[in-house]
Amino acid sequence: MSAINSSRRDFVQAGVAVALVASLPGVAGAQAFPAKPIRLICPWPAGGATDAVMRALAESVGTALGGTAVVENKPGASGMLGPNELIKAAPDGYTVSQLTIGVARLPHMKKMQFYPLKDFTFIAC
């Protein structure tokens, strides 16, 4: 009877191993990043110092990742239009914004569309 249980166990283990190996090409075939242009939201007008830095960053990102990075200027509301645009974007890693100090300060003073500690993932400071 133990020979039957052993062969059954071997058969199940072999079946699981085959299923795992069959699923690996799907994991290995994941899309390379970036598959589409990366949006860099600048919360200030075009032509200023921050815009120049964002454009240099876009060029560096494009070169480093082998893709395209596009700067979108969203000036107004003391730099809050950029974060508001960011909060509406899909959380897929293709939209990045510079955040102003107002992002940390204003939610304590009035109701905002976002809560900075929960709604954003900070990647540099």
PDB file of N, CA and C in Angstrom:
ATOM      1  N   MET A   1       0.822  -1.192   0.000  1.00  0.00           N
ATOM      2  CA  MET A   1       0.000   0.000   0.000  1.00  0.00           C
ATOM      3  C   MET A   1       0.867   1.258   0.000  1.00  0.00           C
ATOM      4  N   SER A   2       2.019   1.236   0.661  1.00  0.00           N
ATOM      5  CA  SER A   2       2.876   2.410   0.685  1.00  0.00           C
ATOM      6  C   SER A   2       3.452   2.714  -0.693  1.00  0.00           C
ATOM      7  N   ALA A   3       3.641   1.707  -1.531  1.00  0.00           N
ATOM      8  CA  ALA A   3       4.121   1.933  -2.893  1.00  0.00           C
ATOM      9  C   ALA A   3       3.091   2.700  -3.699  1.00  0.00           C
ATOM     10  N   ILE A   4       1.811   2.449  -3.458  1.00  0.00           N
ATOM     11  CA  ILE A   4       0.747   3.173  -4.164  1.00  0.00           C
ATOM     12  C   ILE A   4       0.722   4.620  -3.714  1.00  0.00           C
ATOM     13  N   ASN A   5       0.798   4.878  -2.406  1.00  0.00           N
ATOM     14  CA  ASN A   5       0.811   6.242  -1.887  1.00  0.00           C
ATOM     15  C   ASN A   5       2.034   6.999  -2.384  1.00  0.00           C
ATOM     16  N   SER A   6       3.170   6.306  -2.423  1.00  0.00           N
ATOM     17  CA  SER A   6       4.391   6.939  -2.898  1.00  0.00           C
ATOM     18  C   SER A   6       4.284   7.309  -4.362  1.00  0.00           C
ATOM     19  N   SER A   7       3.755   6.433  -5.181  1.00  0.00           N
ATOM     20  CA  SER A   7       3.639   6.742  -6.604  1.00  0.00           C
ATOM     21  C   SER A   7       2.605   7.842  -6.840  1.00  0.00           C
ATOM     22  N   ARG A   8       1.540   7.847  -6.044  1.00  0.00           N
ATOM     23  CA  ARG A   8       0.543   8.915  -6.153  1.00  0.00           C
ATOM     24  C   ARG A   8       1.165  10.271  -5.795  1.00  0.00           C
ATOM     25  N   ARG A   9       1.931  10.271  -4.709  1.00  0.00           N
ATOM     26  CA  ARG A   9       2.600  11.500  -4.264  1.00  0.00           C
ATOM     27  C   ARG A   9       3.588  11.974  -5.329  1.00  0.00           C
ATOM     28  N   ASP A  10       4.355  11.071  -5.893  1.00  0.00           N
ATOM     29  CA  ASP A  10       5.298  11.423  -6.960  1.00  0.00           C
ATOM     30  C   ASP A  10       4.571  12.001  -8.167  1.00  0.00           C
ATOM     31  N   PHE A  11       3.422  11.395  -8.499  1.00  0.00           N
ATOM     32  CA  PHE A  11       2.634  11.864  -9.644  1.00  0.00           C
ATOM     33  C   PHE A  11       2.123  13.288  -9.406  1.00  0.00           C
ATOM     34  N   VAL A  12       1.610  13.562  -8.208  1.00  0.00           N
ATOM     35  CA  VAL A  12       1.101  14.906  -7.875  1.00  0.00           C
ATOM     36  C   VAL A  12       2.242  15.915  -7.879  1.00  0.00           C
ATOM     37  N   GLN A  13       3.378  15.550  -7.306  1.00  0.00           N
ATOM     38  CA  GLN A  13       4.523  16.461  -7.287  1.00  0.00           C
ATOM     39  C   GLN A  13       5.011  16.763  -8.701  1.00  0.00           C
ATOM     40  N   ALA A  14       5.036  15.742  -9.537  1.00  0.00           N
ATOM     41  CA  ALA A  14       5.455  15.944 -10.926  1.00  0.00           C
ATOM     42  C   ALA A  14       4.468  16.846 -11.654  1.00  0.00           C
ATOM     43  N   GLY A  15       3.188  16.666 -11.400  1.00  0.00           N
ATOM     44  CA  GLY A  15       2.165  17.511 -12.031  1.00  0.00           C
ATOM     45  C   GLY A  15       2.298  18.972 -11.620  1.00  0.00           C
ATOM     46  N   VAL A  16       2.552  19.206 -10.326  1.00  0.00           N
ATOM     47  CA  VAL A  16       2.746  20.576  -9.840  1.00  0.00           C
ATOM     48  C   VAL A  16       4.002  21.180 -10.459  1.00  0.00           C
ATOM     49  N   ALA A  17       5.068  20.397 -10.552  1.00  0.00           N
ATOM     50  CA  ALA A  17       6.310  20.895 -11.151  1.00  0.00           C
ATOM     51  C   ALA A  17       6.105  21.266 -12.621  1.00  0.00           C
ATOM     52  N   VAL A  18       5.375  20.435 -13.352  1.00  0.00           N
ATOM     53  CA  VAL A  18       5.102  20.734 -14.761  1.00  0.00           C
ATOM     54  C   VAL A  18       4.278  22.012 -14.883  1.00  0.00           C
ATOM     55  N   ALA A  19       3.287  22.191 -14.018  1.00  0.00           N
ATOM     56  CA  ALA A  19       2.464  23.404 -14.055  1.00  0.00           C
ATOM     57  C   ALA A  19       3.295  24.647 -13.768  1.00  0.00           C
ATOM     58  N   LEU A  20       4.202  24.569 -12.798  1.00  0.00           N
ATOM     59  CA  LEU A  20       5.061  25.715 -12.484  1.00  0.00           C
ATOM     60  C   LEU A  20       6.006  26.051 -13.639  1.00  0.00           C
ATOM     61  N   VAL A  21       6.600  25.039 -14.216  1.00  0.00           N
ATOM     62  CA  VAL A  21       7.516  25.275 -15.338  1.00  0.00           C
ATOM     63  C   VAL A  21       6.760  25.846 -16.531  1.00  0.00           C
ATOM     64  N   ALA A  22       5.538  25.381 -16.747  1.00  0.00           N
ATOM     65  CA  ALA A  22       4.739  25.888 -17.866  1.00  0.00           C
ATOM     66  C   ALA A  22       4.353  27.349 -17.659  1.00  0.00           C
ATOM     67  N   SER A  23       4.230  27.775 -16.391  1.00  0.00           N
ATOM     68  CA  SER A  23       3.841  29.165 -16.136  1.00  0.00           C
ATOM     69  C   SER A  23       5.018  30.126 -16.196  1.00  0.00           C
ATOM     70  N   LEU A  24       6.246  29.665 -16.151  1.00  0.00           N
ATOM     71  CA  LEU A  24       7.416  30.543 -16.149  1.00  0.00           C
ATOM     72  C   LEU A  24       7.570  31.391 -17.411  1.00  0.00           C
ATOM     73  N   PRO A  25       7.298  30.889 -18.616  1.00  0.00           N
ATOM     74  CA  PRO A  25       7.437  31.767 -19.782  1.00  0.00           C
ATOM     75  C   PRO A  25       6.540  33.001 -19.704  1.00  0.00           C
ATOM     76  N   GLY A  26       5.380  32.894 -19.078  1.00  0.00           N
ATOM     77  CA  GLY A  26       4.503  34.055 -18.916  1.00  0.00           C
ATOM     78  C   GLY A  26       5.115  35.099 -18.008  1.00  0.00           C
ATOM     79  N   VAL A  27       5.812  34.649 -16.977  1.00  0.00           N
ATOM     80  CA  VAL A  27       6.479  35.578 -16.066  1.00  0.00           C
ATOM     81  C   VAL A  27       7.674  36.212 -16.769  1.00  0.00           C
ATOM     82  N   ALA A  28       8.444  35.422 -17.477  1.00  0.00           N
ATOM     83  CA  ALA A  28       9.640  35.929 -18.155  1.00  0.00           C
ATOM     84  C   ALA A  28       9.275  36.851 -19.305  1.00  0.00           C
ATOM     85  N   GLY A  29       8.093  36.711 -19.869  1.00  0.00           N
ATOM     86  CA  GLY A  29       7.688  37.523 -21.016  1.00  0.00           C
ATOM     87  C   GLY A  29       7.017  38.832 -20.626  1.00  0.00           C
ATOM     88  N   ALA A  30       7.208  39.295 -19.397  1.00  0.00           N
ATOM     89  CA  ALA A  30       6.608  40.558 -18.968  1.00  0.00           C
ATOM     90  C   ALA A  30       7.154  41.711 -19.801  1.00  0.00           C
ATOM     91  N   GLN A  31       6.326  42.751 -19.959  1.00  0.00           N
ATOM     92  CA  GLN A  31       6.724  43.903 -20.760  1.00  0.00           C
ATOM     93  C   GLN A  31       7.918  44.618 -20.154  1.00  0.00           C
ATOM     94  N   ALA A  32       8.783  45.082 -21.016  1.00  0.00           N
ATOM     95  CA  ALA A  32       9.914  45.878 -20.570  1.00  0.00           C
ATOM     96  C   ALA A  32       9.425  47.284 -20.198  1.00  0.00           C
ATOM     97  N   PHE A  33      10.045  47.867 -19.206  1.00  0.00           N
ATOM     98  CA  PHE A  33       9.697  49.235 -18.802  1.00  0.00           C
ATOM     99  C   PHE A  33      10.716  50.184 -19.408  1.00  0.00           C
ATOM    100  N   PRO A  34      10.320  51.238 -20.007  1.00  0.00           N
ATOM    101  CA  PRO A  34       8.973  51.749 -20.223  1.00  0.00           C
ATOM    102  C   PRO A  34       8.393  51.283 -21.558  1.00  0.00           C
ATOM    103  N   ALA A  35       7.142  50.905 -21.523  1.00  0.00           N
ATOM    104  CA  ALA A  35       6.439  50.488 -22.728  1.00  0.00           C
ATOM    105  C   ALA A  35       5.710  51.660 -23.373  1.00  0.00           C
ATOM    106  N   LYS A  36       5.627  52.779 -22.675  1.00  0.00           N
ATOM    107  CA  LYS A  36       5.001  53.996 -23.203  1.00  0.00           C
ATOM    108  C   LYS A  36       5.722  55.195 -22.589  1.00  0.00           C
ATOM    109  N   PRO A  37       5.468  56.393 -23.092  1.00  0.00           N
ATOM    110  CA  PRO A  37       6.160  57.578 -22.545  1.00  0.00           C
ATOM    111  C   PRO A  37       5.838  57.813 -21.065  1.00  0.00           C
ATOM    112  N   ILE A  38       6.843  58.270 -20.341  1.00  0.00           N
ATOM    113  CA  ILE A  38       6.691  58.614 -18.928  1.00  0.00           C
ATOM    114  C   ILE A  38       6.341  60.096 -18.845  1.00  0.00           C
ATOM    115  N   ARG A  39       5.315  60.426 -18.082  1.00  0.00           N
ATOM    116  CA  ARG A  39       4.902  61.821 -17.891  1.00  0.00           C
ATOM    117  C   ARG A  39       5.574  62.385 -16.650  1.00  0.00           C
ATOM    118  N   LEU A  40       6.255  63.507 -16.828  1.00  0.00           N
ATOM    119  CA  LEU A  40       6.824  64.238 -15.700  1.00  0.00           C
ATOM    120  C   LEU A  40       6.022  65.531 -15.562  1.00  0.00           C
ATOM    121  N   ILE A  41       5.244  65.633 -14.507  1.00  0.00           N
ATOM    122  CA  ILE A  41       4.398  66.810 -14.306  1.00  0.00           C
ATOM    123  C   ILE A  41       5.190  67.860 -13.541  1.00  0.00           C
ATOM    124  N   CYS A  42       5.316  69.037 -14.155  1.00  0.00           N
ATOM    125  CA  CYS A  42       5.987  70.172 -13.533  1.00  0.00           C
ATOM    126  C   CYS A  42       4.900  71.144 -13.070  1.00  0.00           C
ATOM    127  N   PRO A  43       4.790  71.410 -11.768  1.00  0.00           N
ATOM    128  CA  PRO A  43       3.714  72.268 -11.281  1.00  0.00           C
ATOM    129  C   PRO A  43       3.973  73.767 -11.443  1.00  0.00           C
ATOM    130  N   TRP A  44       4.937  74.127 -12.280  1.00  0.00           N
ATOM    131  CA  TRP A  44       5.285  75.532 -12.503  1.00  0.00           C
ATOM    132  C   TRP A  44       5.272  75.837 -13.988  1.00  0.00           C
ATOM    133  N   PRO A  45       5.236  77.102 -14.385  1.00  0.00           N
ATOM    134  CA  PRO A  45       5.171  77.474 -15.805  1.00  0.00           C
ATOM    135  C   PRO A  45       6.426  77.076 -16.584  1.00  0.00           C
ATOM    136  N   ALA A  46       6.259  76.935 -17.884  1.00  0.00           N
ATOM    137  CA  ALA A  46       7.382  76.621 -18.776  1.00  0.00           C
ATOM    138  C   ALA A  46       8.357  77.791 -18.799  1.00  0.00           C
ATOM    139  N   GLY A  47       9.634  77.488 -18.897  1.00  0.00           N
ATOM    140  CA  GLY A  47      10.652  78.518 -19.012  1.00  0.00           C
ATOM    141  C   GLY A  47      11.323  78.889 -17.716  1.00  0.00           C
ATOM    142  N   GLY A  48      10.796  78.439 -16.589  1.00  0.00           N
ATOM    143  CA  GLY A  48      11.407  78.767 -15.301  1.00  0.00           C
ATOM    144  C   GLY A  48      12.507  77.787 -14.929  1.00  0.00           C
ATOM    145  N   ALA A  49      13.108  78.010 -13.785  1.00  0.00           N
ATOM    146  CA  ALA A  49      14.208  77.163 -13.323  1.00  0.00           C
ATOM    147  C   ALA A  49      13.740  75.729 -13.074  1.00  0.00           C
ATOM    148  N   THR A  50      12.576  75.565 -12.464  1.00  0.00           N
ATOM    149  CA  THR A  50      12.066  74.222 -12.194  1.00  0.00           C
ATOM    150  C   THR A  50      11.762  73.488 -13.487  1.00  0.00           C
ATOM    151  N   ASP A  51      11.225  74.182 -14.465  1.00  0.00           N
ATOM    152  CA  ASP A  51      10.946  73.582 -15.763  1.00  0.00           C
ATOM    153  C   ASP A  51      12.240  73.109 -16.422  1.00  0.00           C
ATOM    154  N   ALA A  52      13.294  73.904 -16.331  1.00  0.00           N
ATOM    155  CA  ALA A  52      14.581  73.529 -16.924  1.00  0.00           C
ATOM    156  C   ALA A  52      15.141  72.273 -16.255  1.00  0.00           C
ATOM    157  N   VAL A  53      15.006  72.182 -14.934  1.00  0.00           N
ATOM    158  CA  VAL A  53      15.472  71.009 -14.218  1.00  0.00           C
ATOM    159  C   VAL A  53      14.651  69.781 -14.609  1.00  0.00           C
ATOM    160  N   MET A  54      13.342  69.938 -14.719  1.00  0.00           N
ATOM    161  CA  MET A  54      12.479  68.815 -15.107  1.00  0.00           C
ATOM    162  C   MET A  54      12.793  68.340 -16.522  1.00  0.00           C
ATOM    163  N   ARG A  55      13.091  69.268 -17.412  1.00  0.00           N
ATOM    164  CA  ARG A  55      13.435  68.876 -18.796  1.00  0.00           C
ATOM    165  C   ARG A  55      14.773  68.147 -18.848  1.00  0.00           C
ATOM    166  N   ALA A  56      15.734  68.571 -18.044  1.00  0.00           N
ATOM    167  CA  ALA A  56      17.012  67.857 -17.965  1.00  0.00           C
ATOM    168  C   ALA A  56      16.800  66.461 -17.368  1.00  0.00           C
ATOM    169  N   LEU A  57      15.936  66.370 -16.375  1.00  0.00           N
ATOM    170  CA  LEU A  57      15.611  65.081 -15.776  1.00  0.00           C
ATOM    171  C   LEU A  57      14.927  64.168 -16.793  1.00  0.00           C
ATOM    172  N   ALA A  58      14.016  64.732 -17.579  1.00  0.00           N
ATOM    173  CA  ALA A  58      13.318  63.951 -18.609  1.00  0.00           C
ATOM    174  C   ALA A  58      14.309  63.388 -19.620  1.00  0.00           C
ATOM    175  N   GLU A  59      15.277  64.192 -20.009  1.00  0.00           N
ATOM    176  CA  GLU A  59      16.294  63.729 -20.955  1.00  0.00           C
ATOM    177  C   GLU A  59      17.127  62.604 -20.345  1.00  0.00           C
ATOM    178  N   SER A  60      17.519  62.755 -19.095  1.00  0.00           N
ATOM    179  CA  SER A  60      18.307  61.725 -18.415  1.00  0.00           C
ATOM    180  C   SER A  60      17.516  60.433 -18.236  1.00  0.00           C
ATOM    181  N   VAL A  61      16.260  60.559 -17.854  1.00  0.00           N
ATOM    182  CA  VAL A  61      15.399  59.386 -17.669  1.00  0.00           C
ATOM    183  C   VAL A  61      15.220  58.652 -18.991  1.00  0.00           C
ATOM    184  N   GLY A  62      14.969  59.398 -20.046  1.00  0.00           N
ATOM    185  CA  GLY A  62      14.806  58.789 -21.366  1.00  0.00           C
ATOM    186  C   GLY A  62      16.038  58.037 -21.804  1.00  0.00           C
ATOM    187  N   THR A  63      17.194  58.624 -21.568  1.00  0.00           N
ATOM    188  CA  THR A  63      18.456  57.981 -21.938  1.00  0.00           C
ATOM    189  C   THR A  63      18.711  56.736 -21.087  1.00  0.00           C
ATOM    190  N   ALA A  64      18.513  56.862 -19.785  1.00  0.00           N
ATOM    191  CA  ALA A  64      18.803  55.754 -18.872  1.00  0.00           C
ATOM    192  C   ALA A  64      17.868  54.565 -19.073  1.00  0.00           C
ATOM    193  N   LEU A  65      16.598  54.841 -19.343  1.00  0.00           N
ATOM    194  CA  LEU A  65      15.629  53.759 -19.474  1.00  0.00           C
ATOM    195  C   LEU A  65      15.383  53.333 -20.919  1.00  0.00           C
ATOM    196  N   GLY A  66      15.938  54.076 -21.860  1.00  0.00           N
ATOM    197  CA  GLY A  66      15.734  53.728 -23.257  1.00  0.00           C
ATOM    198  C   GLY A  66      14.322  54.001 -23.734  1.00  0.00           C
ATOM    199  N   GLY A  67      13.703  55.025 -23.195  1.00  0.00           N
ATOM    200  CA  GLY A  67      12.342  55.380 -23.577  1.00  0.00           C
ATOM    201  C   GLY A  67      12.211  56.882 -23.726  1.00  0.00           C
ATOM    202  N   THR A  68      10.990  57.347 -23.624  1.00  0.00           N
ATOM    203  CA  THR A  68      10.709  58.770 -23.750  1.00  0.00           C
ATOM    204  C   THR A  68      10.087  59.283 -22.462  1.00  0.00           C
ATOM    205  N   ALA A  69      10.524  60.438 -22.015  1.00  0.00           N
ATOM    206  CA  ALA A  69       9.924  61.114 -20.869  1.00  0.00           C
ATOM    207  C   ALA A  69       9.479  62.493 -21.345  1.00  0.00           C
ATOM    208  N   VAL A  70       8.232  62.842 -21.059  1.00  0.00           N
ATOM    209  CA  VAL A  70       7.631  64.084 -21.534  1.00  0.00           C
ATOM    210  C   VAL A  70       7.277  64.960 -20.344  1.00  0.00           C
ATOM    211  N   VAL A  71       7.696  66.220 -20.386  1.00  0.00           N
ATOM    212  CA  VAL A  71       7.366  67.169 -19.327  1.00  0.00           C
ATOM    213  C   VAL A  71       6.035  67.839 -19.665  1.00  0.00           C
ATOM    214  N   GLU A  72       5.116  67.826 -18.703  1.00  0.00           N
ATOM    215  CA  GLU A  72       3.838  68.518 -18.835  1.00  0.00           C
ATOM    216  C   GLU A  72       3.775  69.587 -17.750  1.00  0.00           C
ATOM    217  N   ASN A  73       3.655  70.827 -18.150  1.00  0.00           N
ATOM    218  CA  ASN A  73       3.559  71.921 -17.191  1.00  0.00           C
ATOM    219  C   ASN A  73       2.105  72.104 -16.767  1.00  0.00           C
ATOM    220  N   LYS A  74       1.875  72.147 -15.458  1.00  0.00           N
ATOM    221  CA  LYS A  74       0.554  72.372 -14.877  1.00  0.00           C
ATOM    222  C   LYS A  74       0.672  73.497 -13.860  1.00  0.00           C
ATOM    223  N   PRO A  75       0.901  74.740 -14.335  1.00  0.00           N
ATOM    224  CA  PRO A  75       1.083  75.846 -13.392  1.00  0.00           C
ATOM    225  C   PRO A  75      -0.242  76.316 -12.800  1.00  0.00           C
ATOM    226  N   GLY A  76      -0.152  76.884 -11.629  1.00  0.00           N
ATOM    227  CA  GLY A  76      -1.309  77.498 -10.990  1.00  0.00           C
ATOM    228  C   GLY A  76      -1.588  76.914  -9.621  1.00  0.00           C
ATOM    229  N   ALA A  77      -2.415  77.622  -8.870  1.00  0.00           N
ATOM    230  CA  ALA A  77      -2.857  77.202  -7.539  1.00  0.00           C
ATOM    231  C   ALA A  77      -1.683  76.934  -6.605  1.00  0.00           C
ATOM    232  N   SER A  78      -0.672  77.768  -6.679  1.00  0.00           N
ATOM    233  CA  SER A  78       0.525  77.660  -5.840  1.00  0.00           C
ATOM    234  C   SER A  78       1.178  76.290  -5.923  1.00  0.00           C
ATOM    235  N   GLY A  79       1.205  75.735  -7.127  1.00  0.00           N
ATOM    236  CA  GLY A  79       1.856  74.448  -7.344  1.00  0.00           C
ATOM    237  C   GLY A  79       1.001  73.237  -7.022  1.00  0.00           C
ATOM    238  N   MET A  80      -0.289  73.425  -6.766  1.00  0.00           N
ATOM    239  CA  MET A  80      -1.162  72.312  -6.396  1.00  0.00           C
ATOM    240  C   MET A  80      -1.815  71.616  -7.596  1.00  0.00           C
ATOM    241  N   LEU A  81      -1.743  72.194  -8.791  1.00  0.00           N
ATOM    242  CA  LEU A  81      -2.347  71.546  -9.955  1.00  0.00           C
ATOM    243  C   LEU A  81      -1.573  70.293 -10.361  1.00  0.00           C
ATOM    244  N   GLY A  82      -0.271  70.304 -10.181  1.00  0.00           N
ATOM    245  CA  GLY A  82       0.544  69.127 -10.487  1.00  0.00           C
ATOM    246  C   GLY A  82       0.174  67.930  -9.620  1.00  0.00           C
ATOM    247  N   PRO A  83       0.179  68.078  -8.288  1.00  0.00           N
ATOM    248  CA  PRO A  83      -0.231  66.972  -7.426  1.00  0.00           C
ATOM    249  C   PRO A  83      -1.680  66.525  -7.668  1.00  0.00           C
ATOM    250  N   ASN A  84      -2.575  67.471  -7.965  1.00  0.00           N
ATOM    251  CA  ASN A  84      -3.962  67.100  -8.257  1.00  0.00           C
ATOM    252  C   ASN A  84      -4.039  66.256  -9.530  1.00  0.00           C
ATOM    253  N   GLU A  85      -3.217  66.579 -10.516  1.00  0.00           N
ATOM    254  CA  GLU A  85      -3.160  65.791 -11.751  1.00  0.00           C
ATOM    255  C   GLU A  85      -2.554  64.415 -11.467  1.00  0.00           C
ATOM    256  N   LEU A  86      -1.566  64.370 -10.621  1.00  0.00           N
ATOM    257  CA  LEU A  86      -0.909  63.116 -10.266  1.00  0.00           C
ATOM    258  C   LEU A  86      -1.872  62.171  -9.560  1.00  0.00           C
ATOM    259  N   ILE A  87      -2.698  62.694  -8.692  1.00  0.00           N
ATOM    260  CA  ILE A  87      -3.632  61.862  -7.932  1.00  0.00           C
ATOM    261  C   ILE A  87      -4.676  61.227  -8.850  1.00  0.00           C
ATOM    262  N   LYS A  88      -4.961  61.853  -9.992  1.00  0.00           N
ATOM    263  CA  LYS A  88      -5.930  61.317 -10.953  1.00  0.00           C
ATOM    264  C   LYS A  88      -5.313  60.266 -11.882  1.00  0.00           C
ATOM    265  N   ALA A  89      -3.987  60.221 -11.963  1.00  0.00           N
ATOM    266  CA  ALA A  89      -3.302  59.310 -12.888  1.00  0.00           C
ATOM    267  C   ALA A  89      -3.352  57.870 -12.376  1.00  0.00           C
ATOM    268  N   ALA A  90      -3.282  56.942 -13.311  1.00  0.00           N
ATOM    269  CA  ALA A  90      -3.231  55.523 -12.947  1.00  0.00           C
ATOM    270  C   ALA A  90      -1.926  55.238 -12.198  1.00  0.00           C
ATOM    271  N   PRO A  91      -1.980  54.430 -11.154  1.00  0.00           N
ATOM    272  CA  PRO A  91      -0.758  54.127 -10.386  1.00  0.00           C
ATOM    273  C   PRO A  91       0.090  53.049 -11.066  1.00  0.00           C
ATOM    274  N   ASP A  92       0.547  53.353 -12.285  1.00  0.00           N
ATOM    275  CA  ASP A  92       1.270  52.368 -13.078  1.00  0.00           C
ATOM    276  C   ASP A  92       2.750  52.684 -13.242  1.00  0.00           C
ATOM    277  N   GLY A  93       3.222  53.750 -12.584  1.00  0.00           N
ATOM    278  CA  GLY A  93       4.633  54.097 -12.659  1.00  0.00           C
ATOM    279  C   GLY A  93       4.997  54.955 -13.859  1.00  0.00           C
ATOM    280  N   TYR A  94       4.011  55.396 -14.629  1.00  0.00           N
ATOM    281  CA  TYR A  94       4.287  56.196 -15.817  1.00  0.00           C
ATOM    282  C   TYR A  94       4.010  57.683 -15.610  1.00  0.00           C
ATOM    283  N   THR A  95       3.574  58.088 -14.434  1.00  0.00           N
ATOM    284  CA  THR A  95       3.333  59.499 -14.154  1.00  0.00           C
ATOM    285  C   THR A  95       4.061  59.877 -12.871  1.00  0.00           C
ATOM    286  N   VAL A  96       4.885  60.909 -12.967  1.00  0.00           N
ATOM    287  CA  VAL A  96       5.679  61.394 -11.837  1.00  0.00           C
ATOM    288  C   VAL A  96       5.480  62.903 -11.780  1.00  0.00           C
ATOM    289  N   SER A  97       5.472  63.469 -10.584  1.00  0.00           N
ATOM    290  CA  SER A  97       5.327  64.914 -10.452  1.00  0.00           C
ATOM    291  C   SER A  97       6.286  65.432  -9.398  1.00  0.00           C
ATOM    292  N   GLN A  98       6.717  66.650  -9.610  1.00  0.00           N
ATOM    293  CA  GLN A  98       7.449  67.331  -8.552  1.00  0.00           C
ATOM    294  C   GLN A  98       6.387  67.821  -7.568  1.00  0.00           C
ATOM    295  N   LEU A  99       6.638  67.640  -6.300  1.00  0.00           N
ATOM    296  CA  LEU A  99       5.698  68.103  -5.283  1.00  0.00           C
ATOM    297  C   LEU A  99       6.295  69.298  -4.559  1.00  0.00           C
ATOM    298  N   THR A 100       5.490  70.303  -4.355  1.00  0.00           N
ATOM    299  CA  THR A 100       5.935  71.506  -3.666  1.00  0.00           C
ATOM    300  C   THR A 100       5.755  71.343  -2.162  1.00  0.00           C
ATOM    301  N   ILE A 101       6.293  72.253  -1.392  1.00  0.00           N
ATOM    302  CA  ILE A 101       6.151  72.216   0.061  1.00  0.00           C
ATOM    303  C   ILE A 101       4.681  72.349   0.469  1.00  0.00           C
ATOM    304  N   GLY A 102       3.881  72.967  -0.388  1.00  0.00           N
ATOM    305  CA  GLY A 102       2.454  73.104  -0.105  1.00  0.00           C
ATOM    306  C   GLY A 102       1.742  71.774   0.038  1.00  0.00           C
ATOM    307  N   VAL A 103       2.268  70.732  -0.583  1.00  0.00           N
ATOM    308  CA  VAL A 103       1.665  69.405  -0.481  1.00  0.00           C
ATOM    309  C   VAL A 103       1.674  68.934   0.969  1.00  0.00           C
ATOM    310  N   ALA A 104       2.683  69.265   1.704  1.00  0.00           N
ATOM    311  CA  ALA A 104       2.762  68.874   3.113  1.00  0.00           C
ATOM    312  C   ALA A 104       2.016  69.843   4.023  1.00  0.00           C
ATOM    313  N   ARG A 105       1.938  71.095   3.613  1.00  0.00           N
ATOM    314  CA  ARG A 105       1.375  72.136   4.483  1.00  0.00           C
ATOM    315  C   ARG A 105      -0.124  72.317   4.306  1.00  0.00           C
ATOM    316  N   LEU A 106      -0.599  72.403   3.081  1.00  0.00           N
ATOM    317  CA  LEU A 106      -1.988  72.762   2.829  1.00  0.00           C
ATOM    318  C   LEU A 106      -3.032  71.779   3.360  1.00  0.00           C
ATOM    319  N   PRO A 107      -2.813  70.456   3.336  1.00  0.00           N
ATOM    320  CA  PRO A 107      -3.836  69.561   3.886  1.00  0.00           C
ATOM    321  C   PRO A 107      -4.135  69.787   5.362  1.00  0.00           C
ATOM    322  N   HIS A 108      -3.227  70.451   6.081  1.00  0.00           N
ATOM    323  CA  HIS A 108      -3.474  70.766   7.492  1.00  0.00           C
ATOM    324  C   HIS A 108      -4.281  72.045   7.649  1.00  0.00           C
ATOM    325  N   MET A 109      -4.398  72.805   6.572  1.00  0.00           N
ATOM    326  CA  MET A 109      -5.081  74.091   6.639  1.00  0.00           C
ATOM    327  C   MET A 109      -6.455  74.069   5.981  1.00  0.00           C
ATOM    328  N   LYS A 110      -6.645  73.198   4.977  1.00  0.00           N
ATOM    329  CA  LYS A 110      -7.934  73.126   4.305  1.00  0.00           C
ATOM    330  C   LYS A 110      -8.099  71.761   3.660  1.00  0.00           C
ATOM    331  N   LYS A 111      -9.302  71.458   3.220  1.00  0.00           N
ATOM    332  CA  LYS A 111      -9.587  70.171   2.602  1.00  0.00           C
ATOM    333  C   LYS A 111      -8.951  70.110   1.216  1.00  0.00           C
ATOM    334  N   MET A 112      -8.227  69.009   0.970  1.00  0.00           N
ATOM    335  CA  MET A 112      -7.547  68.809  -0.306  1.00  0.00           C
ATOM    336  C   MET A 112      -8.058  67.525  -0.959  1.00  0.00           C
ATOM    337  N   GLN A 113      -7.703  67.316  -2.220  1.00  0.00           N
ATOM    338  CA  GLN A 113      -8.090  66.098  -2.938  1.00  0.00           C
ATOM    339  C   GLN A 113      -7.211  64.919  -2.563  1.00  0.00           C
ATOM    340  N   PHE A 114      -6.205  65.126  -1.760  1.00  0.00           N
ATOM    341  CA  PHE A 114      -5.250  64.076  -1.431  1.00  0.00           C
ATOM    342  C   PHE A 114      -4.766  64.221   0.004  1.00  0.00           C
ATOM    343  N   TYR A 115      -4.219  63.117   0.520  1.00  0.00           N
ATOM    344  CA  TYR A 115      -3.520  63.139   1.797  1.00  0.00           C
ATOM    345  C   TYR A 115      -2.085  62.731   1.484  1.00  0.00           C
ATOM    346  N   PRO A 116      -1.114  63.612   1.685  1.00  0.00           N
ATOM    347  CA  PRO A 116       0.236  63.387   1.177  1.00  0.00           C
ATOM    348  C   PRO A 116       0.924  62.106   1.647  1.00  0.00           C
ATOM    349  N   LEU A 117       0.712  61.701   2.879  1.00  0.00           N
ATOM    350  CA  LEU A 117       1.414  60.524   3.377  1.00  0.00           C
ATOM    351  C   LEU A 117       0.828  59.207   2.869  1.00  0.00           C
ATOM    352  N   LYS A 118      -0.429  59.218   2.475  1.00  0.00           N
ATOM    353  CA  LYS A 118      -1.080  57.988   2.028  1.00  0.00           C
ATOM    354  C   LYS A 118      -1.233  57.919   0.502  1.00  0.00           C
ATOM    355  N   ASP A 119      -1.377  59.042  -0.143  1.00  0.00           N
ATOM    356  CA  ASP A 119      -1.726  59.045  -1.561  1.00  0.00           C
ATOM    357  C   ASP A 119      -0.543  59.151  -2.511  1.00  0.00           C
ATOM    358  N   PHE A 120       0.636  59.447  -2.018  1.00  0.00           N
ATOM    359  CA  PHE A 120       1.812  59.571  -2.866  1.00  0.00           C
ATOM    360  C   PHE A 120       2.893  58.606  -2.436  1.00  0.00           C
ATOM    361  N   THR A 121       3.684  58.156  -3.397  1.00  0.00           N
ATOM    362  CA  THR A 121       4.875  57.368  -3.131  1.00  0.00           C
ATOM    363  C   THR A 121       6.058  58.262  -3.452  1.00  0.00           C
ATOM    364  N   PHE A 122       6.829  58.619  -2.451  1.00  0.00           N
ATOM    365  CA  PHE A 122       7.943  59.527  -2.621  1.00  0.00           C
ATOM    366  C   PHE A 122       9.158  58.739  -3.100  1.00  0.00           C
ATOM    367  N   ILE A 123       9.799  59.222  -4.174  1.00  0.00           N
ATOM    368  CA  ILE A 123      10.936  58.505  -4.713  1.00  0.00           C
ATOM    369  C   ILE A 123      12.252  59.266  -4.561  1.00  0.00           C
ATOM    370  N   ALA A 124      12.201  60.533  -4.252  1.00  0.00           N
ATOM    371  CA  ALA A 124      13.404  61.340  -4.027  1.00  0.00           C
ATOM    372  C   ALA A 124      13.017  62.569  -3.222  1.00  0.00           C
ATOM    373  N   CYS A 125      13.990  63.083  -2.459  1.00  0.00           N
ATOM    374  CA  CYS A 125      13.729  64.338  -1.741  1.00  0.00           C
ATOM    375  C   CYS A 125      14.905  65.254  -1.836  1.00  0.00           C
TER     376      CYS A 125
END
